Structures are given as C-alpha cells and as structure tokens.
Amino acid sequence: MMCGRCSGRDYNKPEVLGIELMDSVTMNTKLIAKSEAAMECKVVQVIPVQDHIMFIAEVQETHFNPEYKHLSSCEGFAKLEVR
C-alpha cells in the first residue's frame, strides 16, 4: 500500500495506483473521481493541539457519487438509502 507511506513528491500515486481524478469546483486541486463523497474545504484556522494540528475549515462544495446510496441530512431532514 503506497497511500500514506510514500511521498507524492517521489511517486505519481494516482498514476501508479490507477486512481482516476477529477477537477474540483472551488479549489485548484483534484478529487478522487470514484470516491463515495468528497468535500472541498477552505481552512480558516490552524490550532496546535499537543503533538497534533487541528484544522478548522468551511465547506465550500460537496460531491456525492450517484453510484452509491447515501445517508444525508439537510436542514434537519434526513434520508437513508440502503445499498
């Protein structure tokens, strides 16, 4: 498994692993095209917490893959779709 163990500076992970990417809507980055869901977030605060760093972010855009069923909530209403 390369993800999380090898630097993207040294390997083109999407190419090596056969991962299809797609353009994001609000940011200059790529998203994994076949992921079940993805969020584009803007970092608004960075907080050091002991030996970790906590990022506070605002969600700019959400993406849901129509090939999957989702559990979602919007303004208090929820919908559950079973795979």
N, C-alpha and C. Protein backbone atom coordinates (compact mmCIF):
# COMPACT_ATOMS: atom_id res chain seq x y z
N MET A 1 0.86 -1.19 0.00
CA MET A 1 0.00 0.00 0.00
C MET A 1 0.89 1.23 0.00
N MET A 2 0.71 2.09 -0.96
CA MET A 2 1.52 3.30 -1.08
C MET A 2 0.91 4.50 -0.36
N CYS A 3 -0.41 4.59 -0.36
CA CYS A 3 -1.06 5.78 0.20
C CYS A 3 -0.73 5.90 1.67
N GLY A 4 -0.23 7.06 2.07
CA GLY A 4 0.14 7.30 3.45
C GLY A 4 1.54 6.84 3.80
N ARG A 5 2.19 6.13 2.91
CA ARG A 5 3.54 5.63 3.20
C ARG A 5 4.61 6.19 2.26
N CYS A 6 4.20 6.66 1.11
CA CYS A 6 5.16 7.19 0.12
C CYS A 6 4.78 8.62 -0.22
N SER A 7 5.78 9.45 -0.41
CA SER A 7 5.55 10.86 -0.71
C SER A 7 5.09 11.05 -2.15
N GLY A 8 4.14 11.96 -2.32
CA GLY A 8 3.70 12.34 -3.65
C GLY A 8 4.76 13.10 -4.42
N ARG A 9 5.80 13.55 -3.72
CA ARG A 9 6.93 14.20 -4.41
C ARG A 9 7.74 13.17 -5.18
N ASP A 10 7.73 11.93 -4.69
CA ASP A 10 8.56 10.87 -5.29
C ASP A 10 7.78 9.97 -6.26
N TYR A 11 6.47 9.89 -6.09
CA TYR A 11 5.64 9.00 -6.91
C TYR A 11 4.39 9.73 -7.37
N ASN A 12 3.94 9.44 -8.56
CA ASN A 12 2.64 9.92 -9.02
C ASN A 12 1.64 8.85 -8.60
N LYS A 13 1.14 8.95 -7.35
CA LYS A 13 0.30 7.91 -6.77
C LYS A 13 -0.94 7.59 -7.61
N PRO A 14 -1.69 8.59 -8.08
CA PRO A 14 -2.86 8.25 -8.89
C PRO A 14 -2.50 7.42 -10.13
N GLU A 15 -1.41 7.77 -10.77
CA GLU A 15 -1.00 7.03 -11.96
C GLU A 15 -0.56 5.61 -11.59
N VAL A 16 0.29 5.49 -10.57
CA VAL A 16 0.82 4.19 -10.15
C VAL A 16 -0.31 3.27 -9.67
N LEU A 17 -1.28 3.84 -8.93
CA LEU A 17 -2.35 3.03 -8.35
C LEU A 17 -3.59 2.95 -9.23
N GLY A 18 -3.60 3.64 -10.37
CA GLY A 18 -4.75 3.61 -11.26
C GLY A 18 -5.97 4.33 -10.71
N ILE A 19 -5.75 5.43 -10.00
CA ILE A 19 -6.84 6.21 -9.40
C ILE A 19 -7.22 7.34 -10.34
N GLU A 20 -8.49 7.38 -10.73
CA GLU A 20 -8.99 8.43 -11.63
C GLU A 20 -9.29 9.69 -10.82
N LEU A 21 -8.81 10.83 -11.32
CA LEU A 21 -9.04 12.11 -10.65
C LEU A 21 -10.00 12.98 -11.44
N MET A 22 -10.61 13.95 -10.74
CA MET A 22 -11.48 14.93 -11.40
C MET A 22 -11.16 16.30 -10.82
N ASP A 23 -11.50 17.34 -11.57
CA ASP A 23 -11.26 18.70 -11.10
C ASP A 23 -12.22 19.05 -9.98
N SER A 24 -11.74 19.85 -9.03
CA SER A 24 -12.63 20.38 -8.01
C SER A 24 -13.32 21.61 -8.58
N VAL A 25 -14.33 22.10 -7.88
CA VAL A 25 -15.12 23.24 -8.36
C VAL A 25 -14.57 24.56 -7.82
N THR A 26 -14.18 24.58 -6.55
CA THR A 26 -13.81 25.85 -5.91
C THR A 26 -12.33 26.00 -5.62
N MET A 27 -11.54 24.95 -5.85
CA MET A 27 -10.13 24.98 -5.48
C MET A 27 -9.25 24.50 -6.62
N ASN A 28 -7.99 24.83 -6.54
CA ASN A 28 -7.02 24.40 -7.54
C ASN A 28 -6.41 23.08 -7.09
N THR A 29 -7.22 22.03 -7.10
CA THR A 29 -6.77 20.71 -6.68
C THR A 29 -7.60 19.65 -7.38
N LYS A 30 -7.27 18.40 -7.17
CA LYS A 30 -8.01 17.30 -7.77
C LYS A 30 -8.72 16.51 -6.68
N LEU A 31 -9.78 15.83 -7.08
CA LEU A 31 -10.53 14.94 -6.20
C LEU A 31 -10.48 13.53 -6.78
N ILE A 32 -10.68 12.53 -5.93
CA ILE A 32 -10.75 11.15 -6.40
C ILE A 32 -12.14 10.95 -7.02
N ALA A 33 -12.18 10.66 -8.31
CA ALA A 33 -13.43 10.61 -9.06
C ALA A 33 -14.39 9.54 -8.56
N LYS A 34 -13.91 8.40 -8.14
CA LYS A 34 -14.78 7.29 -7.74
C LYS A 34 -15.06 7.25 -6.24
N SER A 35 -14.69 8.30 -5.51
CA SER A 35 -14.97 8.29 -4.07
C SER A 35 -16.46 8.42 -3.83
N GLU A 36 -16.92 7.89 -2.73
CA GLU A 36 -18.35 7.91 -2.40
C GLU A 36 -18.82 9.34 -2.16
N ALA A 37 -17.99 10.12 -1.47
CA ALA A 37 -18.31 11.52 -1.20
C ALA A 37 -17.01 12.29 -0.99
N ALA A 38 -17.05 13.59 -1.28
CA ALA A 38 -15.88 14.44 -1.06
C ALA A 38 -16.35 15.84 -0.73
N MET A 39 -15.52 16.56 0.01
CA MET A 39 -15.81 17.94 0.36
C MET A 39 -14.63 18.81 -0.01
N GLU A 40 -14.90 19.97 -0.55
CA GLU A 40 -13.88 20.98 -0.79
C GLU A 40 -14.00 21.97 0.37
N CYS A 41 -12.91 22.13 1.12
CA CYS A 41 -12.95 22.96 2.32
C CYS A 41 -11.88 24.04 2.28
N LYS A 42 -12.20 25.19 2.85
CA LYS A 42 -11.27 26.30 2.99
C LYS A 42 -10.85 26.37 4.46
N VAL A 43 -9.56 26.23 4.72
CA VAL A 43 -9.05 26.28 6.08
C VAL A 43 -9.17 27.72 6.59
N VAL A 44 -9.81 27.89 7.76
CA VAL A 44 -9.98 29.22 8.34
C VAL A 44 -9.18 29.41 9.63
N GLN A 45 -8.75 28.28 10.23
CA GLN A 45 -7.96 28.39 11.45
C GLN A 45 -7.12 27.12 11.61
N VAL A 46 -5.90 27.29 12.09
CA VAL A 46 -5.00 26.17 12.38
C VAL A 46 -4.64 26.26 13.85
N ILE A 47 -4.92 25.18 14.60
CA ILE A 47 -4.71 25.19 16.05
C ILE A 47 -3.76 24.06 16.45
N PRO A 48 -2.60 24.39 17.04
CA PRO A 48 -1.73 23.35 17.57
C PRO A 48 -2.39 22.71 18.81
N VAL A 49 -2.44 21.38 18.84
CA VAL A 49 -3.02 20.65 19.96
C VAL A 49 -2.02 19.55 20.35
N GLN A 50 -1.27 19.79 21.40
CA GLN A 50 -0.21 18.88 21.84
C GLN A 50 0.72 18.55 20.67
N ASP A 51 0.79 17.30 20.26
CA ASP A 51 1.69 16.94 19.16
C ASP A 51 0.94 16.79 17.83
N HIS A 52 -0.26 17.39 17.74
CA HIS A 52 -1.07 17.34 16.52
C HIS A 52 -1.40 18.77 16.07
N ILE A 53 -2.01 18.87 14.92
CA ILE A 53 -2.52 20.16 14.43
C ILE A 53 -3.97 19.96 14.05
N MET A 54 -4.85 20.82 14.57
CA MET A 54 -6.28 20.75 14.25
C MET A 54 -6.60 21.85 13.25
N PHE A 55 -7.29 21.47 12.17
CA PHE A 55 -7.68 22.42 11.13
C PHE A 55 -9.17 22.70 11.25
N ILE A 56 -9.55 23.96 11.32
CA ILE A 56 -10.95 24.37 11.29
C ILE A 56 -11.20 24.88 9.88
N ALA A 57 -12.25 24.37 9.25
CA ALA A 57 -12.47 24.69 7.84
C ALA A 57 -13.95 24.93 7.55
N GLU A 58 -14.19 25.67 6.49
CA GLU A 58 -15.55 25.90 5.98
C GLU A 58 -15.73 25.07 4.72
N VAL A 59 -16.82 24.33 4.65
CA VAL A 59 -17.10 23.52 3.47
C VAL A 59 -17.55 24.46 2.35
N GLN A 60 -16.85 24.39 1.22
CA GLN A 60 -17.15 25.24 0.07
C GLN A 60 -18.04 24.52 -0.95
N GLU A 61 -17.86 23.20 -1.06
CA GLU A 61 -18.60 22.41 -2.06
C GLU A 61 -18.61 20.96 -1.60
N THR A 62 -19.68 20.25 -1.91
CA THR A 62 -19.76 18.82 -1.62
C THR A 62 -20.01 18.05 -2.91
N HIS A 63 -19.53 16.82 -2.93
CA HIS A 63 -19.69 15.95 -4.10
C HIS A 63 -20.15 14.59 -3.61
N PHE A 64 -21.17 14.02 -4.26
CA PHE A 64 -21.66 12.69 -3.93
C PHE A 64 -21.71 11.86 -5.21
N ASN A 65 -21.14 10.68 -5.17
CA ASN A 65 -21.12 9.79 -6.32
C ASN A 65 -22.49 9.11 -6.45
N PRO A 66 -23.18 9.28 -7.58
CA PRO A 66 -24.52 8.70 -7.74
C PRO A 66 -24.52 7.17 -7.80
N GLU A 67 -23.34 6.56 -7.93
CA GLU A 67 -23.27 5.10 -7.94
C GLU A 67 -23.50 4.51 -6.55
N TYR A 68 -23.43 5.33 -5.50
CA TYR A 68 -23.58 4.87 -4.13
C TYR A 68 -24.87 5.42 -3.54
N LYS A 69 -25.42 4.70 -2.56
CA LYS A 69 -26.55 5.19 -1.78
C LYS A 69 -25.96 5.94 -0.59
N HIS A 70 -26.65 6.97 -0.12
CA HIS A 70 -26.07 7.83 0.92
C HIS A 70 -27.01 8.05 2.08
N LEU A 71 -26.41 8.27 3.23
CA LEU A 71 -27.12 8.79 4.39
C LEU A 71 -26.79 10.27 4.42
N SER A 72 -27.80 11.11 4.32
CA SER A 72 -27.53 12.54 4.27
C SER A 72 -28.53 13.31 5.11
N SER A 73 -28.16 14.52 5.47
CA SER A 73 -29.02 15.39 6.25
C SER A 73 -28.89 16.80 5.71
N CYS A 74 -30.02 17.48 5.59
CA CYS A 74 -30.02 18.86 5.12
C CYS A 74 -31.09 19.63 5.87
N GLU A 75 -30.70 20.61 6.65
CA GLU A 75 -31.62 21.44 7.41
C GLU A 75 -32.57 20.61 8.26
N GLY A 76 -32.03 19.58 8.92
CA GLY A 76 -32.83 18.79 9.85
C GLY A 76 -33.57 17.62 9.21
N PHE A 77 -33.62 17.53 7.91
CA PHE A 77 -34.29 16.42 7.24
C PHE A 77 -33.25 15.39 6.86
N ALA A 78 -33.59 14.12 7.03
CA ALA A 78 -32.61 13.07 6.76
C ALA A 78 -33.21 12.06 5.80
N LYS A 79 -32.35 11.39 5.05
CA LYS A 79 -32.77 10.38 4.09
C LYS A 79 -31.77 9.24 4.18
N LEU A 80 -32.26 8.03 4.28
CA LEU A 80 -31.39 6.87 4.34
C LEU A 80 -31.68 5.99 3.14
N GLU A 81 -30.65 5.72 2.37
CA GLU A 81 -30.78 4.81 1.23
C GLU A 81 -29.85 3.64 1.50
N VAL A 82 -30.36 2.43 1.41
CA VAL A 82 -29.56 1.25 1.69
C VAL A 82 -28.99 0.72 0.38
N ARG A 83 -27.72 0.35 0.41
CA ARG A 83 -27.06 -0.19 -0.78
C ARG A 83 -27.68 -1.48 -1.21
